[in-house]
Amino acid sequence: MRSGSRALRVLRTARFRAFLLPLSLLLLGSATAFAQEGAGFIPIPLLQFGLGVAESPRDVATTLQILALLTVLSVAPGIILMMTCFTRILIVLGFVQRAIGLQQTPPSQVIASLALFLTLFVMSPTWNKVYEGALSPYLAGTIDSAQAWEGTINPVREFLFKFTRQEELSLMITMSKLEQPRNTADVPTRILIPAFVLSELKTAFQMGVVIFIPFIIVDMIVASVLLAMGMMMLPPMMISLPFKILLFVMADGWNLVVASLLRSFS
């Protein structure tokens, strides 16, 4: 009986394959015929890419504008991140993670996502000014591209000047060998951006040191207690880690860190 059942299953499989192969060929042939005759139920789009000879200077200018746009888009994420508060927030949150002693908790993706959404929160007034003064009028056709650029860069420069230290700005002006600017309008944007980034790094490290101090004290206390008890072979980090986590949770550490970050941009 088992051999008969097995033979029957094999026969059914062979019959199924014999039925499936002609059916597949029939469907493929029908689809090809419809596509060739242009009467198919599902139209297949045709994409064409090619290079041609520019027939006028306007065509050359359009091509150069497209190349410039693609170049800017390739570096746009880095430019945007360097001209916002993302750098300070990400570094401070990274200091919190390392001060506690947790290398992979919370994950780096969570830290970066939190920094990104906090950046959106802080930068929303500036981006609203850009939208109302540049993007919306430009899309409506009331201003040209030059006026749209002015309406975009002025609120951004205002934000950068607000959080750029005088020392870093003077350093970049001196290194660029430019004349001493009389006002903020005389400072080029290419000088302002690196000065802003240096200021953000300095501020982030200062906040990181303040965050590190309580956790270092906990490590020192635990290490001293273990040394006094003669447990020199026991790693202090293994004992101090639960106490640091408990201290951070009881002090509502995440709210304090986020509130401090947001107040630093007010």
Protein backbone atom coordinates (compact mmCIF):
# COMPACT_ATOMS: atom_id res chain seq x y z
CA MET A 1 0.00 0.00 0.00
CA ARG A 2 2.81 2.39 0.83
CA SER A 3 4.51 1.73 -2.52
CA GLY A 4 1.18 2.27 -4.32
CA SER A 5 0.54 5.56 -2.53
CA ARG A 6 4.07 6.72 -3.30
CA ALA A 7 3.66 5.83 -6.96
CA LEU A 8 0.33 7.70 -7.05
CA ARG A 9 1.95 10.83 -5.57
CA VAL A 10 4.75 10.66 -8.14
CA LEU A 11 2.20 10.28 -10.92
CA ARG A 12 0.24 13.25 -9.66
CA THR A 13 3.40 15.33 -9.45
CA ALA A 14 4.35 14.36 -13.00
CA ARG A 15 0.85 15.15 -14.26
CA PHE A 16 0.94 18.51 -12.46
CA ARG A 17 4.27 19.40 -14.02
CA ALA A 18 3.03 18.28 -17.42
CA PHE A 19 0.03 20.57 -16.99
CA LEU A 20 2.02 23.52 -15.55
CA LEU A 21 4.63 23.71 -18.30
CA PRO A 22 2.21 24.18 -21.25
CA LEU A 23 0.17 26.62 -19.19
CA SER A 24 3.26 28.74 -18.43
CA LEU A 25 4.28 28.75 -22.06
CA LEU A 26 0.77 29.75 -23.09
CA LEU A 27 0.65 32.66 -20.63
CA LEU A 28 4.11 33.85 -21.64
CA GLY A 29 3.22 33.70 -25.30
CA SER A 30 -0.03 35.58 -24.73
CA ALA A 31 1.74 38.32 -22.76
CA THR A 32 4.35 38.68 -25.50
CA ALA A 33 1.70 38.85 -28.18
CA PHE A 34 -0.27 41.53 -26.29
CA ALA A 35 2.89 43.55 -25.72
CA GLN A 36 3.86 43.35 -29.38
CA GLU A 37 0.41 44.29 -30.63
CA GLY A 38 0.01 47.14 -28.12
CA ALA A 39 -3.23 45.67 -26.81
CA GLY A 40 -1.99 44.39 -23.46
CA PHE A 41 -4.04 44.82 -20.32
CA ILE A 42 -1.00 46.05 -18.34
CA PRO A 43 0.96 48.74 -20.22
CA ILE A 44 4.72 48.41 -19.92
CA PRO A 45 6.47 51.80 -19.60
CA LEU A 46 9.44 52.58 -21.78
CA LEU A 47 12.38 54.49 -20.29
CA GLN A 48 14.96 56.11 -22.51
CA PHE A 49 18.22 57.76 -21.50
CA GLY A 50 20.60 59.31 -23.94
CA LEU A 51 23.16 61.99 -24.63
CA GLY A 52 22.76 64.61 -27.27
CA VAL A 53 24.49 67.68 -28.60
CA ALA A 54 23.51 71.01 -27.08
CA GLU A 55 21.87 73.16 -29.72
CA SER A 56 21.98 76.47 -27.83
CA PRO A 57 23.77 78.09 -24.86
CA ARG A 58 20.54 77.73 -22.89
CA ASP A 59 20.82 73.94 -23.15
CA VAL A 60 24.39 74.10 -21.82
CA ALA A 61 23.29 76.28 -18.90
CA THR A 62 20.48 73.86 -18.03
CA THR A 63 22.90 70.92 -18.09
CA LEU A 64 25.33 72.72 -15.80
CA GLN A 65 22.51 73.59 -13.40
CA ILE A 66 21.45 69.94 -13.23
CA LEU A 67 25.04 68.85 -12.51
CA ALA A 68 25.39 71.52 -9.82
CA LEU A 69 22.09 70.44 -8.25
CA LEU A 70 23.16 66.78 -8.15
CA THR A 71 26.48 67.78 -6.58
CA VAL A 72 24.76 69.84 -3.88
CA LEU A 73 22.27 67.07 -3.14
CA SER A 74 25.11 64.59 -2.61
CA VAL A 75 26.61 66.70 0.19
CA ALA A 76 23.35 68.22 1.43
CA PRO A 77 22.95 65.90 4.47
CA GLY A 78 26.39 66.82 5.78
CA ILE A 79 25.80 70.51 5.16
CA ILE A 80 22.43 70.45 6.92
CA LEU A 81 23.79 68.54 9.91
CA MET A 82 26.69 70.97 10.28
CA MET A 83 24.37 73.99 10.17
CA THR A 84 21.93 72.78 12.82
CA CYS A 85 22.04 71.81 16.49
CA PHE A 86 22.34 68.10 15.64
CA THR A 87 26.06 67.95 16.43
CA ARG A 88 25.74 69.23 20.01
CA ILE A 89 22.74 67.06 20.84
CA LEU A 90 24.28 63.87 19.45
CA ILE A 91 27.59 64.37 21.25
CA VAL A 92 25.93 65.13 24.59
CA LEU A 93 23.69 62.07 24.36
CA GLY A 94 26.76 60.00 23.51
CA PHE A 95 28.48 61.34 26.62
CA VAL A 96 25.50 60.22 28.70
CA GLN A 97 25.71 56.73 27.28
CA ARG A 98 29.43 56.40 27.96
CA ALA A 99 29.30 58.05 31.39
CA ILE A 100 26.87 55.45 32.63
CA GLY A 101 29.05 52.69 31.17
CA LEU A 102 26.49 51.23 28.77
CA GLN A 103 28.21 50.66 25.44
CA GLN A 104 25.25 49.40 23.41
CA THR A 105 22.25 50.48 25.51
CA PRO A 106 20.42 52.43 24.28
CA PRO A 107 21.46 51.51 20.71
CA SER A 108 23.20 54.06 18.54
CA GLN A 109 20.19 54.18 16.20
CA VAL A 110 17.97 55.27 19.09
CA ILE A 111 20.43 57.97 20.16
CA ALA A 112 20.74 59.29 16.60
CA SER A 113 16.96 59.25 16.09
CA LEU A 114 16.36 61.11 19.36
CA ALA A 115 18.98 63.69 18.38
CA LEU A 116 17.35 64.09 14.97
CA PHE A 117 13.87 64.74 16.35
CA LEU A 118 15.21 67.12 19.00
CA THR A 119 16.95 68.94 16.16
CA LEU A 120 13.64 69.24 14.33
CA PHE A 121 12.10 70.65 17.51
CA VAL A 122 14.85 73.25 18.02
CA MET A 123 15.17 74.25 14.36
CA SER A 124 11.45 74.54 13.64
CA PRO A 125 11.30 78.37 14.19
CA THR A 126 14.20 78.90 11.79
CA TRP A 127 12.74 76.58 9.17
CA ASN A 128 9.36 78.29 9.49
CA LYS A 129 11.05 81.57 8.63
CA VAL A 130 12.71 79.93 5.63
CA TYR A 131 9.40 78.50 4.44
CA GLU A 132 7.42 81.70 4.87
CA GLY A 133 10.09 84.04 3.53
CA ALA A 134 11.67 81.97 0.75
CA LEU A 135 10.16 78.62 -0.19
CA SER A 136 6.46 79.51 -0.22
CA PRO A 137 6.87 82.76 -2.24
CA TYR A 138 9.26 81.06 -4.65
CA LEU A 139 6.83 78.21 -5.33
CA ALA A 140 4.08 80.78 -5.80
CA GLY A 141 6.23 82.60 -8.35
CA THR A 142 6.31 85.94 -6.54
CA ILE A 143 10.11 85.99 -6.08
CA ASP A 144 13.02 84.78 -8.16
CA SER A 145 15.79 82.33 -7.22
CA ALA A 146 18.16 85.06 -5.96
CA GLN A 147 15.54 86.45 -3.59
CA ALA A 148 14.67 82.92 -2.47
CA TRP A 149 18.32 82.29 -1.64
CA GLU A 150 18.48 85.47 0.43
CA GLY A 151 15.31 84.50 2.26
CA THR A 152 16.80 81.07 2.97
CA ILE A 153 20.30 81.96 4.08
CA ASN A 154 19.44 84.97 6.27
CA PRO A 155 17.47 83.05 8.96
CA VAL A 156 20.10 80.30 8.92
CA ARG A 157 22.92 82.82 9.39
CA GLU A 158 20.97 84.42 12.22
CA PHE A 159 20.80 81.05 13.97
CA LEU A 160 24.50 80.36 13.37
CA PHE A 161 25.59 83.76 14.70
CA LYS A 162 23.46 83.29 17.81
CA PHE A 163 25.39 80.18 18.90
CA THR A 164 28.85 80.93 17.49
CA ARG A 165 31.52 81.94 19.98
CA GLN A 166 33.61 85.01 19.34
CA GLU A 167 36.86 83.09 19.82
CA GLU A 168 36.10 80.52 17.12
CA LEU A 169 34.86 83.18 14.72
CA SER A 170 38.00 85.25 15.23
CA LEU A 171 40.12 82.15 14.69
CA MET A 172 38.50 81.35 11.35
CA ILE A 173 38.74 84.96 10.18
CA THR A 174 42.42 85.07 11.12
CA MET A 175 43.19 81.76 9.41
CA SER A 176 41.40 82.87 6.24
CA LYS A 177 43.45 86.10 6.20
CA LEU A 178 40.41 88.27 5.65
CA GLU A 179 39.99 91.84 6.73
CA GLN A 180 38.32 92.40 10.06
CA PRO A 181 34.56 92.53 9.34
CA ARG A 182 32.68 95.58 10.51
CA ASN A 183 29.39 93.74 11.10
CA THR A 184 27.84 90.31 10.73
CA ALA A 185 26.91 90.95 7.10
CA ASP A 186 30.62 91.14 6.22
CA VAL A 187 31.32 87.63 7.56
CA PRO A 188 31.19 85.08 4.71
CA THR A 189 29.08 81.98 5.23
CA ARG A 190 32.09 79.76 4.48
CA ILE A 191 33.78 81.28 7.54
CA LEU A 192 30.68 81.21 9.72
CA ILE A 193 29.89 77.49 9.29
CA PRO A 194 33.22 76.04 10.57
CA ALA A 195 33.24 78.59 13.41
CA PHE A 196 29.75 77.43 14.39
CA VAL A 197 30.79 73.76 14.28
CA LEU A 198 33.83 74.45 16.49
CA SER A 199 31.62 76.32 18.94
CA GLU A 200 29.15 73.43 19.04
CA LEU A 201 31.93 70.93 19.71
CA LYS A 202 33.30 73.06 22.53
CA THR A 203 29.88 73.50 24.13
CA ALA A 204 29.05 69.80 23.77
CA PHE A 205 32.29 68.74 25.47
CA GLN A 206 31.72 71.19 28.30
CA MET A 207 28.27 69.74 28.90
CA GLY A 208 29.71 66.22 28.63
CA VAL A 209 32.26 66.91 31.38
CA VAL A 210 29.50 68.13 33.71
CA ILE A 211 27.54 64.94 32.97
CA PHE A 212 30.57 62.74 33.65
CA ILE A 213 31.36 64.13 37.14
CA PRO A 214 28.56 62.41 39.17
CA PHE A 215 29.27 59.04 37.57
CA ILE A 216 33.02 59.38 38.19
CA ILE A 217 32.28 60.05 41.87
CA VAL A 218 30.22 56.84 42.03
CA ASP A 219 33.08 54.90 40.43
CA MET A 220 35.58 56.33 42.92
CA ILE A 221 33.38 55.50 45.92
CA VAL A 222 32.82 51.92 44.76
CA ALA A 223 36.52 51.43 43.99
CA SER A 224 37.51 52.77 47.43
CA VAL A 225 35.03 50.49 49.20
CA LEU A 226 36.21 47.43 47.30
CA LEU A 227 39.84 48.29 48.01
CA ALA A 228 39.11 48.73 51.73
CA MET A 229 37.38 45.34 51.79
CA GLY A 230 40.34 43.69 50.09
CA MET A 231 38.40 42.79 46.93
CA MET A 232 41.10 43.98 44.57
CA MET A 233 40.38 41.30 41.95
CA LEU A 234 36.72 42.32 41.60
CA PRO A 235 36.24 44.87 38.78
CA PRO A 236 34.76 48.08 40.20
CA MET A 237 32.74 48.67 37.03
CA MET A 238 30.76 45.50 37.65
CA ILE A 239 29.56 46.85 41.01
CA SER A 240 29.24 50.53 40.14
CA LEU A 241 27.17 50.01 36.98
CA PRO A 242 23.91 49.12 38.77
CA PHE A 243 24.38 52.05 41.17
CA LYS A 244 24.97 54.48 38.28
CA ILE A 245 21.87 53.25 36.47
CA LEU A 246 19.85 53.55 39.67
CA LEU A 247 21.17 57.06 40.28
CA PHE A 248 20.34 58.09 36.71
CA VAL A 249 16.81 56.68 36.91
CA MET A 250 16.03 58.15 40.33
CA ALA A 251 17.25 61.58 39.23
CA ASP A 252 15.09 61.36 36.06
CA GLY A 253 18.26 61.74 34.04
CA TRP A 254 16.86 61.69 30.50
CA ASN A 255 14.44 64.51 31.22
CA LEU A 256 17.20 66.56 32.85
CA VAL A 257 19.59 66.03 29.93
CA VAL A 258 16.99 66.80 27.26
CA ALA A 259 15.72 69.85 29.16
CA SER A 260 19.29 71.15 29.54
CA LEU A 261 19.92 70.68 25.83
CA LEU A 262 16.75 72.50 24.84
CA ARG A 263 17.44 75.36 27.26
CA SER A 264 20.95 75.75 25.84
CA PHE A 265 19.35 76.76 22.51
CA SER A 266 16.82 79.17 23.97
